[in-house]
């Protein structure tokens, strides 16, 4: 039993290194990373630059929204990927004239769906933890709410830049230009959010 579980673990590790799995994982991770970062920029702009600033409210909103987004993306990814894998397995079973329950193929599919869903759940929380660092410093009295919020926005733009350069390298394009392009979109989100907050 132990030998079988070790073999299964090795097979799953090899599968996670597979190109198709890596491509799917990157796609979902990058999409969720962008969604969560832009959402958190909106929350900071809408709360931190208001007339009545409430640091605890900003932090609670960031955490609660990130958890909600993580659950949403995690569950939706799990359900959609599980459905796609079931369709794929059904087609293979039809072609092979046999059931594939409890086989290496079905086990790998379960592992990939689980891993992709977990990473999608954790991505917004990771972004949130990074953006909360300046706000914690403000909570300790080292920075004002406005300054800490601006630092958080800068960190968010940094996340977008890194993600953009990563996409640029994957697509054999200019990483710097791709990163700067993401920063421009993030800056536009900040400006639009700031103007809306001022006008309403």
N, C-alpha and C. Protein backbone atom coordinates (compact mmCIF):
# COMPACT_ATOMS: atom_id res chain seq x y z
N UNK A 1 0.84 -1.21 0.00
CA UNK A 1 0.00 0.00 0.00
C UNK A 1 0.87 1.26 0.00
N UNK A 2 1.94 1.22 0.80
CA UNK A 2 2.84 2.36 0.90
C UNK A 2 3.59 2.57 -0.41
N UNK A 3 4.01 1.44 -1.03
CA UNK A 3 4.72 1.54 -2.31
C UNK A 3 3.82 2.13 -3.37
N UNK A 4 2.55 1.72 -3.36
CA UNK A 4 1.59 2.23 -4.34
C UNK A 4 1.36 3.73 -4.18
N UNK A 5 1.25 4.20 -2.90
CA UNK A 5 1.04 5.62 -2.65
C UNK A 5 2.26 6.44 -3.07
N UNK A 6 3.47 5.90 -2.85
CA UNK A 6 4.69 6.60 -3.26
C UNK A 6 4.77 6.71 -4.78
N UNK A 7 4.38 5.63 -5.46
CA UNK A 7 4.37 5.63 -6.93
C UNK A 7 3.38 6.66 -7.44
N UNK A 8 2.21 6.70 -6.80
CA UNK A 8 1.18 7.66 -7.19
C UNK A 8 1.66 9.09 -6.98
N UNK A 9 2.37 9.33 -5.88
CA UNK A 9 2.90 10.67 -5.59
C UNK A 9 3.90 11.08 -6.66
N UNK A 10 4.80 10.16 -7.03
CA UNK A 10 5.79 10.47 -8.07
C UNK A 10 5.12 10.76 -9.40
N UNK A 11 4.07 10.02 -9.72
CA UNK A 11 3.34 10.24 -10.97
C UNK A 11 2.69 11.61 -10.98
N UNK A 12 2.13 12.01 -9.83
CA UNK A 12 1.48 13.32 -9.74
C UNK A 12 2.49 14.46 -9.86
N UNK A 13 3.67 14.26 -9.28
CA UNK A 13 4.72 15.28 -9.37
C UNK A 13 5.18 15.43 -10.82
N UNK A 14 5.34 14.31 -11.50
CA UNK A 14 5.72 14.35 -12.91
C UNK A 14 4.65 15.03 -13.75
N UNK A 15 3.39 14.78 -13.40
CA UNK A 15 2.29 15.38 -14.16
C UNK A 15 2.27 16.89 -13.96
N UNK A 16 2.56 17.35 -12.74
CA UNK A 16 2.55 18.79 -12.47
C UNK A 16 3.66 19.51 -13.22
N UNK A 17 4.65 18.77 -13.68
CA UNK A 17 5.71 19.36 -14.50
C UNK A 17 5.34 19.33 -15.99
N UNK A 18 4.21 18.68 -16.29
CA UNK A 18 3.78 18.55 -17.68
C UNK A 18 3.46 19.92 -18.28
N UNK A 19 3.74 20.08 -19.57
CA UNK A 19 3.57 21.38 -20.24
C UNK A 19 2.11 21.82 -20.26
N UNK A 20 1.19 20.89 -20.51
CA UNK A 20 -0.23 21.25 -20.58
C UNK A 20 -0.74 21.73 -19.22
N UNK A 21 -0.35 21.01 -18.16
CA UNK A 21 -0.76 21.41 -16.82
C UNK A 21 -0.19 22.78 -16.47
N UNK A 22 1.09 23.01 -16.81
CA UNK A 22 1.72 24.29 -16.54
C UNK A 22 1.05 25.43 -17.26
N UNK A 23 0.63 25.18 -18.49
CA UNK A 23 -0.04 26.21 -19.29
C UNK A 23 -1.38 26.59 -18.68
N UNK A 24 -2.15 25.59 -18.27
CA UNK A 24 -3.46 25.85 -17.65
C UNK A 24 -3.28 26.58 -16.32
N UNK A 25 -2.32 26.14 -15.54
CA UNK A 25 -2.06 26.75 -14.23
C UNK A 25 -1.65 28.21 -14.39
N UNK A 26 -0.75 28.49 -15.34
CA UNK A 26 -0.30 29.86 -15.56
C UNK A 26 -1.47 30.76 -15.99
N UNK A 27 -2.30 30.24 -16.88
CA UNK A 27 -3.42 31.03 -17.39
C UNK A 27 -4.37 31.43 -16.26
N UNK A 28 -4.76 30.47 -15.45
CA UNK A 28 -5.67 30.77 -14.35
C UNK A 28 -5.02 31.68 -13.31
N UNK A 29 -3.73 31.40 -13.01
CA UNK A 29 -3.03 32.18 -11.99
C UNK A 29 -2.90 33.65 -12.42
N UNK A 30 -2.49 33.89 -13.66
CA UNK A 30 -2.33 35.26 -14.15
C UNK A 30 -3.66 35.99 -14.18
N UNK A 31 -4.72 35.32 -14.66
CA UNK A 31 -6.04 35.96 -14.69
C UNK A 31 -6.51 36.36 -13.30
N UNK A 32 -6.35 35.44 -12.35
CA UNK A 32 -6.77 35.73 -10.97
C UNK A 32 -5.89 36.81 -10.35
N UNK A 33 -4.60 36.79 -10.67
CA UNK A 33 -3.68 37.80 -10.16
C UNK A 33 -4.09 39.20 -10.61
N UNK A 34 -4.40 39.33 -11.88
CA UNK A 34 -4.83 40.63 -12.40
C UNK A 34 -6.16 41.04 -11.77
N UNK A 35 -7.12 40.12 -11.71
CA UNK A 35 -8.43 40.44 -11.14
C UNK A 35 -8.31 40.92 -9.70
N UNK A 36 -7.55 40.18 -8.90
CA UNK A 36 -7.42 40.53 -7.48
C UNK A 36 -6.67 41.84 -7.28
N UNK A 37 -5.62 42.07 -8.08
CA UNK A 37 -4.84 43.29 -7.92
C UNK A 37 -5.66 44.53 -8.29
N UNK A 38 -6.37 44.47 -9.40
CA UNK A 38 -7.21 45.61 -9.80
C UNK A 38 -8.34 45.84 -8.80
N UNK A 39 -8.92 44.76 -8.29
CA UNK A 39 -9.97 44.89 -7.28
C UNK A 39 -9.44 45.58 -6.03
N UNK A 40 -8.25 45.17 -5.59
CA UNK A 40 -7.68 45.74 -4.38
C UNK A 40 -7.25 47.20 -4.58
N UNK A 41 -6.82 47.55 -5.78
CA UNK A 41 -6.54 48.95 -6.08
C UNK A 41 -7.81 49.77 -5.92
N UNK A 42 -8.92 49.25 -6.46
CA UNK A 42 -10.20 49.94 -6.33
C UNK A 42 -10.64 50.13 -4.90
N UNK A 43 -10.43 49.11 -4.08
CA UNK A 43 -10.82 49.20 -2.66
C UNK A 43 -9.99 50.25 -1.94
N UNK A 44 -8.70 50.24 -2.17
CA UNK A 44 -7.82 51.21 -1.49
C UNK A 44 -8.15 52.63 -1.92
N UNK A 45 -8.34 52.83 -3.22
CA UNK A 45 -8.67 54.18 -3.72
C UNK A 45 -10.01 54.64 -3.17
N UNK A 46 -10.99 53.75 -3.17
CA UNK A 46 -12.32 54.13 -2.72
C UNK A 46 -12.42 54.39 -1.23
N UNK A 47 -11.51 53.78 -0.44
CA UNK A 47 -11.60 53.90 1.01
C UNK A 47 -10.55 54.83 1.62
N UNK A 48 -9.33 54.71 1.14
CA UNK A 48 -8.21 55.42 1.77
C UNK A 48 -8.21 56.90 1.48
N UNK A 49 -8.79 57.31 0.36
CA UNK A 49 -8.77 58.72 -0.02
C UNK A 49 -10.12 59.40 0.20
N UNK A 50 -10.96 58.75 0.99
CA UNK A 50 -12.25 59.35 1.33
C UNK A 50 -12.06 60.40 2.42
N UNK A 51 -13.10 61.18 2.64
CA UNK A 51 -13.01 62.24 3.65
C UNK A 51 -12.82 61.66 5.05
N UNK A 52 -13.57 60.59 5.35
CA UNK A 52 -13.47 59.94 6.65
C UNK A 52 -12.67 58.64 6.49
N UNK A 53 -11.38 58.72 6.71
CA UNK A 53 -10.52 57.56 6.55
C UNK A 53 -10.62 56.64 7.76
N UNK A 54 -10.78 55.36 7.50
CA UNK A 54 -10.87 54.37 8.57
C UNK A 54 -9.94 53.21 8.20
N UNK A 55 -8.76 53.16 8.82
CA UNK A 55 -7.75 52.18 8.47
C UNK A 55 -8.25 50.75 8.71
N UNK A 56 -8.92 50.53 9.83
CA UNK A 56 -9.42 49.19 10.13
C UNK A 56 -10.45 48.75 9.09
N UNK A 57 -11.29 49.68 8.66
CA UNK A 57 -12.29 49.36 7.64
C UNK A 57 -11.63 48.99 6.31
N UNK A 58 -10.59 49.74 5.95
CA UNK A 58 -9.87 49.46 4.70
C UNK A 58 -9.27 48.05 4.75
N UNK A 59 -8.62 47.72 5.87
CA UNK A 59 -7.97 46.43 5.99
C UNK A 59 -8.99 45.29 6.03
N UNK A 60 -10.08 45.49 6.75
CA UNK A 60 -11.12 44.45 6.80
C UNK A 60 -11.73 44.23 5.43
N UNK A 61 -11.97 45.33 4.71
CA UNK A 61 -12.56 45.23 3.37
C UNK A 61 -11.63 44.50 2.42
N UNK A 62 -10.33 44.81 2.48
CA UNK A 62 -9.36 44.13 1.63
C UNK A 62 -9.33 42.62 1.91
N UNK A 63 -9.28 42.26 3.19
CA UNK A 63 -9.21 40.84 3.56
C UNK A 63 -10.50 40.12 3.16
N UNK A 64 -11.65 40.71 3.52
CA UNK A 64 -12.93 40.06 3.22
C UNK A 64 -13.14 39.90 1.72
N UNK A 65 -12.82 40.94 0.96
CA UNK A 65 -12.99 40.89 -0.50
C UNK A 65 -12.05 39.88 -1.13
N UNK A 66 -10.84 39.80 -0.61
CA UNK A 66 -9.86 38.85 -1.15
C UNK A 66 -10.28 37.41 -0.87
N UNK A 67 -10.80 37.17 0.32
CA UNK A 67 -11.29 35.83 0.65
C UNK A 67 -12.48 35.47 -0.25
N UNK A 68 -13.40 36.44 -0.41
CA UNK A 68 -14.57 36.19 -1.25
C UNK A 68 -14.16 35.91 -2.70
N UNK A 69 -13.20 36.71 -3.21
CA UNK A 69 -12.73 36.49 -4.58
C UNK A 69 -12.00 35.15 -4.70
N UNK A 70 -11.22 34.81 -3.67
CA UNK A 70 -10.50 33.53 -3.67
C UNK A 70 -11.47 32.36 -3.71
N UNK A 71 -12.51 32.42 -2.89
CA UNK A 71 -13.51 31.35 -2.89
C UNK A 71 -14.22 31.29 -4.23
N UNK A 72 -14.58 32.46 -4.76
CA UNK A 72 -15.27 32.52 -6.05
C UNK A 72 -14.44 31.92 -7.18
N UNK A 73 -13.19 32.36 -7.30
CA UNK A 73 -12.33 31.85 -8.37
C UNK A 73 -11.96 30.39 -8.15
N UNK A 74 -11.73 30.03 -6.89
CA UNK A 74 -11.38 28.64 -6.58
C UNK A 74 -12.51 27.68 -6.93
N UNK A 75 -13.72 28.02 -6.50
CA UNK A 75 -14.88 27.16 -6.76
C UNK A 75 -15.22 27.12 -8.25
N UNK A 76 -15.24 28.29 -8.88
CA UNK A 76 -15.59 28.33 -10.31
C UNK A 76 -14.55 27.59 -11.15
N UNK A 77 -13.27 27.74 -10.79
CA UNK A 77 -12.22 27.01 -11.50
C UNK A 77 -12.37 25.51 -11.29
N UNK A 78 -12.65 25.11 -10.05
CA UNK A 78 -12.82 23.69 -9.75
C UNK A 78 -13.95 23.09 -10.56
N UNK A 79 -15.10 23.78 -10.56
CA UNK A 79 -16.27 23.25 -11.26
C UNK A 79 -16.05 23.20 -12.77
N UNK A 80 -15.49 24.27 -13.34
CA UNK A 80 -15.30 24.31 -14.79
C UNK A 80 -14.24 23.31 -15.25
N UNK A 81 -13.12 23.23 -14.50
CA UNK A 81 -12.07 22.30 -14.87
C UNK A 81 -12.50 20.85 -14.65
N UNK A 82 -13.27 20.61 -13.59
CA UNK A 82 -13.77 19.26 -13.33
C UNK A 82 -14.68 18.80 -14.46
N UNK A 83 -15.54 19.72 -14.94
CA UNK A 83 -16.43 19.40 -16.05
C UNK A 83 -15.64 19.08 -17.31
N UNK A 84 -14.63 19.91 -17.60
CA UNK A 84 -13.81 19.69 -18.79
C UNK A 84 -13.08 18.35 -18.72
N UNK A 85 -12.58 18.01 -17.53
CA UNK A 85 -11.87 16.75 -17.36
C UNK A 85 -12.82 15.56 -17.51
N UNK A 86 -14.05 15.72 -17.00
CA UNK A 86 -15.04 14.64 -17.12
C UNK A 86 -15.38 14.39 -18.59
N UNK A 87 -15.52 15.48 -19.35
CA UNK A 87 -15.80 15.35 -20.79
C UNK A 87 -14.65 14.65 -21.49
N UNK A 88 -13.43 15.08 -21.13
CA UNK A 88 -12.23 14.49 -21.73
C UNK A 88 -12.13 12.99 -21.41
N UNK A 89 -12.39 12.63 -20.14
CA UNK A 89 -12.34 11.23 -19.72
C UNK A 89 -13.41 10.42 -20.45
N UNK A 90 -14.61 10.99 -20.57
CA UNK A 90 -15.70 10.29 -21.26
C UNK A 90 -15.34 10.01 -22.72
N UNK A 91 -14.69 10.98 -23.37
CA UNK A 91 -14.27 10.79 -24.76
C UNK A 91 -13.19 9.70 -24.86
N UNK A 92 -12.26 9.69 -23.89
CA UNK A 92 -11.23 8.65 -23.89
C UNK A 92 -11.83 7.27 -23.65
N UNK A 93 -12.78 7.20 -22.72
CA UNK A 93 -13.44 5.93 -22.43
C UNK A 93 -14.17 5.40 -23.65
N UNK A 94 -14.81 6.31 -24.37
CA UNK A 94 -15.53 5.92 -25.58
C UNK A 94 -14.57 5.40 -26.65
N UNK A 95 -13.40 6.06 -26.75
CA UNK A 95 -12.42 5.64 -27.75
C UNK A 95 -11.72 4.33 -27.37
N UNK A 96 -11.53 4.12 -26.07
CA UNK A 96 -10.79 2.95 -25.60
C UNK A 96 -11.69 1.77 -25.23
N UNK A 97 -13.02 2.01 -25.22
CA UNK A 97 -14.01 0.97 -24.88
C UNK A 97 -13.76 0.39 -23.48
N UNK A 98 -13.43 1.27 -22.54
CA UNK A 98 -13.23 0.83 -21.16
C UNK A 98 -13.36 2.01 -20.21
N UNK A 99 -13.67 1.70 -18.97
CA UNK A 99 -13.78 2.72 -17.94
C UNK A 99 -12.40 3.09 -17.44
N UNK A 100 -12.24 4.38 -17.09
CA UNK A 100 -10.94 4.85 -16.61
C UNK A 100 -10.98 5.26 -15.15
N UNK A 101 -11.99 4.78 -14.41
CA UNK A 101 -12.05 5.07 -12.98
C UNK A 101 -10.86 4.45 -12.26
N UNK A 102 -10.30 5.20 -11.29
CA UNK A 102 -9.19 4.73 -10.47
C UNK A 102 -7.96 4.33 -11.30
N UNK A 103 -7.74 5.06 -12.37
CA UNK A 103 -6.55 4.86 -13.19
C UNK A 103 -5.61 6.05 -13.01
N UNK A 104 -4.41 5.95 -13.58
CA UNK A 104 -3.45 7.05 -13.50
C UNK A 104 -4.02 8.30 -14.15
N UNK A 105 -4.74 8.14 -15.25
CA UNK A 105 -5.30 9.28 -15.97
C UNK A 105 -6.31 10.03 -15.11
N UNK A 106 -7.26 9.30 -14.51
CA UNK A 106 -8.29 9.95 -13.68
C UNK A 106 -7.69 10.57 -12.42
N UNK A 107 -6.67 9.89 -11.87
CA UNK A 107 -6.02 10.42 -10.66
C UNK A 107 -5.25 11.70 -10.97
N UNK A 108 -4.58 11.75 -12.11
CA UNK A 108 -3.87 12.96 -12.51
C UNK A 108 -4.84 14.11 -12.74
N UNK A 109 -5.97 13.81 -13.34
CA UNK A 109 -6.96 14.86 -13.58
C UNK A 109 -7.49 15.43 -12.26
N UNK A 110 -7.75 14.55 -11.31
CA UNK A 110 -8.22 15.02 -9.99
C UNK A 110 -7.16 15.89 -9.33
N UNK A 111 -5.90 15.47 -9.41
CA UNK A 111 -4.81 16.24 -8.81
C UNK A 111 -4.69 17.62 -9.45
N UNK A 112 -4.75 17.67 -10.79
CA UNK A 112 -4.59 18.95 -11.49
C UNK A 112 -5.72 19.91 -11.15
N UNK A 113 -6.96 19.40 -11.13
CA UNK A 113 -8.12 20.24 -10.80
C UNK A 113 -7.98 20.79 -9.38
N UNK A 114 -7.57 19.95 -8.45
CA UNK A 114 -7.40 20.37 -7.05
C UNK A 114 -6.31 21.42 -6.93
N UNK A 115 -5.16 21.18 -7.55
CA UNK A 115 -4.04 22.11 -7.44
C UNK A 115 -4.37 23.47 -8.06
N UNK A 116 -4.98 23.46 -9.23
CA UNK A 116 -5.34 24.71 -9.91
C UNK A 116 -6.34 25.50 -9.07
N UNK A 117 -7.30 24.82 -8.49
CA UNK A 117 -8.32 25.48 -7.66
C UNK A 117 -7.72 26.10 -6.41
N UNK A 118 -6.82 25.36 -5.76
CA UNK A 118 -6.18 25.86 -4.54
C UNK A 118 -5.35 27.10 -4.83
N UNK A 119 -4.59 27.06 -5.93
CA UNK A 119 -3.74 28.20 -6.28
C UNK A 119 -4.60 29.41 -6.62
N UNK A 120 -5.73 29.19 -7.29
CA UNK A 120 -6.64 30.30 -7.59
C UNK A 120 -7.25 30.87 -6.32
N UNK A 121 -7.50 30.02 -5.33
CA UNK A 121 -8.02 30.50 -4.06
C UNK A 121 -6.98 31.34 -3.31
N UNK A 122 -5.72 30.91 -3.35
CA UNK A 122 -4.67 31.57 -2.58
C UNK A 122 -4.14 32.84 -3.23
N UNK A 123 -4.28 32.97 -4.55
CA UNK A 123 -3.70 34.12 -5.26
C UNK A 123 -4.20 35.47 -4.74
N UNK A 124 -5.52 35.70 -4.59
CA UNK A 124 -5.97 36.98 -4.05
C UNK A 124 -5.47 37.23 -2.63
N UNK A 125 -5.34 36.17 -1.84
CA UNK A 125 -4.85 36.32 -0.46
C UNK A 125 -3.38 36.72 -0.45
N UNK A 126 -2.62 36.17 -1.39
CA UNK A 126 -1.20 36.53 -1.50
C UNK A 126 -1.06 38.01 -1.84
N UNK A 127 -1.81 38.47 -2.83
CA UNK A 127 -1.78 39.89 -3.21
C UNK A 127 -2.20 40.76 -2.03
N UNK A 128 -3.24 40.33 -1.33
CA UNK A 128 -3.75 41.08 -0.18
C UNK A 128 -2.68 41.23 0.90
N UNK A 129 -1.98 40.14 1.19
CA UNK A 129 -0.94 40.18 2.23
C UNK A 129 0.16 41.18 1.88
N UNK A 130 0.51 41.24 0.60
CA UNK A 130 1.55 42.18 0.16
C UNK A 130 1.07 43.62 0.33
N UNK A 131 -0.16 43.89 -0.08
CA UNK A 131 -0.69 45.26 -0.01
C UNK A 131 -1.01 45.69 1.41
N UNK A 132 -1.18 44.73 2.30
CA UNK A 132 -1.49 45.06 3.70
C UNK A 132 -0.26 45.52 4.49
N UNK A 133 0.93 45.21 3.99
CA UNK A 133 2.16 45.53 4.74
C UNK A 133 2.25 47.02 5.07
N UNK A 134 2.10 47.95 4.10
CA UNK A 134 2.16 49.38 4.45
C UNK A 134 1.02 49.80 5.39
N UNK A 135 -0.13 49.16 5.26
CA UNK A 135 -1.26 49.50 6.12
C UNK A 135 -1.01 49.07 7.56
N UNK A 136 -0.33 47.94 7.73
CA UNK A 136 0.07 47.52 9.08
C UNK A 136 1.07 48.52 9.68
N UNK A 137 1.95 49.04 8.85
CA UNK A 137 2.89 50.05 9.33
C UNK A 137 2.14 51.32 9.76
N UNK A 138 1.10 51.65 9.03
CA UNK A 138 0.28 52.79 9.40
C UNK A 138 -0.45 52.53 10.71
N UNK A 139 -0.88 51.28 10.89
CA UNK A 139 -1.57 50.89 12.12
C UNK A 139 -0.66 51.04 13.34
N UNK A 140 0.63 50.84 13.12
CA UNK A 140 1.62 50.99 14.19
C UNK A 140 2.10 52.43 14.35
N UNK A 141 1.61 53.32 13.50
CA UNK A 141 1.94 54.73 13.62
C UNK A 141 3.16 55.18 12.86
N UNK A 142 3.73 54.30 12.02
CA UNK A 142 4.93 54.66 11.27
C UNK A 142 4.61 55.50 10.03
N UNK A 143 3.42 55.29 9.46
CA UNK A 143 3.02 56.02 8.26
C UNK A 143 1.60 56.54 8.42
N UNK A 144 1.29 57.60 7.71
CA UNK A 144 -0.09 58.07 7.70
C UNK A 144 -0.91 57.15 6.80
N UNK A 145 -2.23 57.22 6.91
CA UNK A 145 -3.09 56.37 6.09
C UNK A 145 -2.90 56.68 4.61
N UNK A 146 -2.80 57.96 4.29
CA UNK A 146 -2.64 58.36 2.88
C UNK A 146 -1.33 57.84 2.30
N UNK A 147 -0.24 58.02 3.06
CA UNK A 147 1.07 57.57 2.57
C UNK A 147 1.10 56.05 2.44
N UNK A 148 0.60 55.35 3.44
CA UNK A 148 0.61 53.88 3.39
C UNK A 148 -0.25 53.37 2.24
N UNK A 149 -1.34 54.07 1.95
CA UNK A 149 -2.20 53.68 0.84
C UNK A 149 -1.50 53.88 -0.49
N UNK A 150 -0.76 54.98 -0.61
CA UNK A 150 0.01 55.23 -1.83
C UNK A 150 1.10 54.17 -2.02
N UNK A 151 1.71 53.75 -0.90
CA UNK A 151 2.73 52.69 -0.97
C UNK A 151 2.07 51.38 -1.41
N UNK A 152 0.87 51.10 -0.88
CA UNK A 152 0.15 49.89 -1.27
C UNK A 152 -0.19 49.90 -2.76
N UNK A 153 -0.61 51.07 -3.25
CA UNK A 153 -0.90 51.21 -4.68
C UNK A 153 0.37 50.96 -5.50
N UNK A 154 1.49 51.48 -5.02
CA UNK A 154 2.77 51.27 -5.72
C UNK A 154 3.13 49.79 -5.74
N UNK A 155 2.90 49.10 -4.63
CA UNK A 155 3.15 47.66 -4.59
C UNK A 155 2.25 46.92 -5.57
N UNK A 156 0.99 47.36 -5.66
CA UNK A 156 0.05 46.74 -6.59
C UNK A 156 0.53 46.92 -8.03
N UNK A 157 1.01 48.12 -8.34
CA UNK A 157 1.55 48.37 -9.67
C UNK A 157 2.80 47.52 -9.92
N UNK A 158 3.58 47.31 -8.86
CA UNK A 158 4.75 46.44 -8.97
C UNK A 158 4.36 45.00 -9.29
N UNK A 159 3.28 44.53 -8.66
CA UNK A 159 2.78 43.18 -8.95
C UNK A 159 2.36 43.07 -10.41
N UNK A 160 1.65 44.10 -10.89
CA UNK A 160 1.21 44.11 -12.29
C UNK A 160 2.41 44.13 -13.24
N UNK A 161 3.44 44.89 -12.86
CA UNK A 161 4.64 44.98 -13.69
C UNK A 161 5.34 43.62 -13.78
N UNK A 162 5.51 42.96 -12.64
CA UNK A 162 6.17 41.65 -12.62
C UNK A 162 5.37 40.64 -13.43
N UNK A 163 4.04 40.64 -13.25
CA UNK A 163 3.19 39.72 -14.01
C UNK A 163 3.29 40.01 -15.51
N UNK A 164 3.33 41.30 -15.84
CA UNK A 164 3.43 41.69 -17.25
C UNK A 164 4.74 41.24 -17.88
N UNK A 165 5.85 41.44 -17.16
CA UNK A 165 7.15 41.01 -17.69
C UNK A 165 7.21 39.50 -17.84
N UNK A 166 6.58 38.80 -16.92
CA UNK A 166 6.52 37.33 -17.01
C UNK A 166 5.76 36.90 -18.25
N UNK A 167 4.62 37.56 -18.51
CA UNK A 167 3.86 37.26 -19.73
C UNK A 167 4.67 37.59 -20.98
N UNK A 168 5.40 38.69 -20.92
CA UNK A 168 6.23 39.07 -22.06
C UNK A 168 7.27 38.03 -22.38
N UNK A 169 7.90 37.48 -21.35
CA UNK A 169 8.92 36.44 -21.57
C UNK A 169 8.29 35.17 -22.13
N UNK A 170 7.11 34.81 -21.61
CA UNK A 170 6.44 33.60 -22.10
C UNK A 170 6.04 33.74 -23.57
N UNK A 171 5.61 34.94 -23.93
CA UNK A 171 5.16 35.17 -25.30
C UNK A 171 6.25 35.63 -26.25
N UNK A 172 7.51 35.56 -25.79
CA UNK A 172 8.64 36.00 -26.61
C UNK A 172 8.47 37.44 -27.11
N UNK A 173 7.94 38.29 -26.22
CA UNK A 173 7.79 39.71 -26.53
C UNK A 173 8.66 40.51 -25.57
N UNK A 174 8.70 41.81 -25.79
CA UNK A 174 9.51 42.67 -24.94
C UNK A 174 8.94 42.67 -23.52
N UNK A 175 9.62 42.02 -22.55
CA UNK A 175 9.09 41.94 -21.19
C UNK A 175 8.88 43.31 -20.55
N UNK A 176 9.83 44.24 -20.79
CA UNK A 176 9.74 45.56 -20.18
C UNK A 176 8.50 46.30 -20.67
N UNK A 177 8.26 46.26 -21.97
CA UNK A 177 7.10 46.94 -22.53
C UNK A 177 5.79 46.32 -22.05
N UNK A 178 5.77 45.00 -21.95
CA UNK A 178 4.58 44.32 -21.46
C UNK A 178 4.31 44.68 -20.01
N UNK A 179 5.38 44.74 -19.21
CA UNK A 179 5.23 45.13 -17.81
C UNK A 179 4.75 46.56 -17.66
N UNK A 180 5.34 47.47 -18.45
CA UNK A 180 4.92 48.88 -18.39
C UNK A 180 3.48 49.05 -18.85
N UNK A 181 3.08 48.24 -19.81
CA UNK A 181 1.69 48.29 -20.28
C UNK A 181 0.71 47.94 -19.16
N UNK A 182 1.06 46.92 -18.37
CA UNK A 182 0.22 46.54 -17.24
C UNK A 182 0.18 47.65 -16.18
N UNK A 183 1.32 48.30 -15.99
CA UNK A 183 1.39 49.42 -15.04
C UNK A 183 0.49 50.57 -15.51
N UNK A 184 0.47 50.82 -16.81
CA UNK A 184 -0.39 51.88 -17.36
C UNK A 184 -1.85 51.57 -17.06
N UNK A 185 -2.27 50.31 -17.27
CA UNK A 185 -3.65 49.92 -16.98
C UNK A 185 -3.96 50.08 -15.49
N UNK A 186 -3.00 49.69 -14.64
CA UNK A 186 -3.20 49.85 -13.21
C UNK A 186 -3.29 51.30 -12.80
N UNK A 187 -2.48 52.15 -13.42
CA UNK A 187 -2.52 53.59 -13.14
C UNK A 187 -3.84 54.19 -13.57
N UNK A 188 -4.34 53.75 -14.72
CA UNK A 188 -5.65 54.22 -15.20
C UNK A 188 -6.76 53.83 -14.22
N UNK A 189 -6.68 52.59 -13.70
CA UNK A 189 -7.66 52.14 -12.72
C UNK A 189 -7.61 53.02 -11.47
N UNK A 190 -6.38 53.37 -11.04
CA UNK A 190 -6.22 54.25 -9.88
C UNK A 190 -6.82 55.63 -10.15
N UNK A 191 -6.51 56.21 -11.30
CA UNK A 191 -6.99 57.56 -11.63
C UNK A 191 -8.51 57.58 -11.74
N UNK A 192 -9.07 56.61 -12.43
CA UNK A 192 -10.53 56.55 -12.59
C UNK A 192 -11.21 56.38 -11.24
N UNK A 193 -10.67 55.46 -10.42
CA UNK A 193 -11.23 55.26 -9.08
C UNK A 193 -11.14 56.50 -8.23
N UNK A 194 -10.01 57.20 -8.33
CA UNK A 194 -9.81 58.43 -7.55
C UNK A 194 -10.81 59.52 -7.99
N UNK A 195 -11.00 59.65 -9.30
CA UNK A 195 -11.93 60.67 -9.82
C UNK A 195 -13.36 60.35 -9.42
N UNK A 196 -13.72 59.08 -9.50
CA UNK A 196 -15.09 58.67 -9.11
C UNK A 196 -15.31 58.95 -7.63
N UNK A 197 -14.29 58.62 -6.81
CA UNK A 197 -14.40 58.85 -5.37
C UNK A 197 -14.57 60.34 -5.06
N UNK A 198 -13.91 61.19 -5.84
CA UNK A 198 -13.99 62.64 -5.62
C UNK A 198 -15.33 63.21 -6.09
N UNK A 199 -15.86 62.64 -7.15
CA UNK A 199 -17.07 63.19 -7.75
C UNK A 199 -18.35 62.74 -7.06
N UNK A 200 -18.32 61.55 -6.47
CA UNK A 200 -19.54 61.02 -5.84
C UNK A 200 -19.59 61.41 -4.35
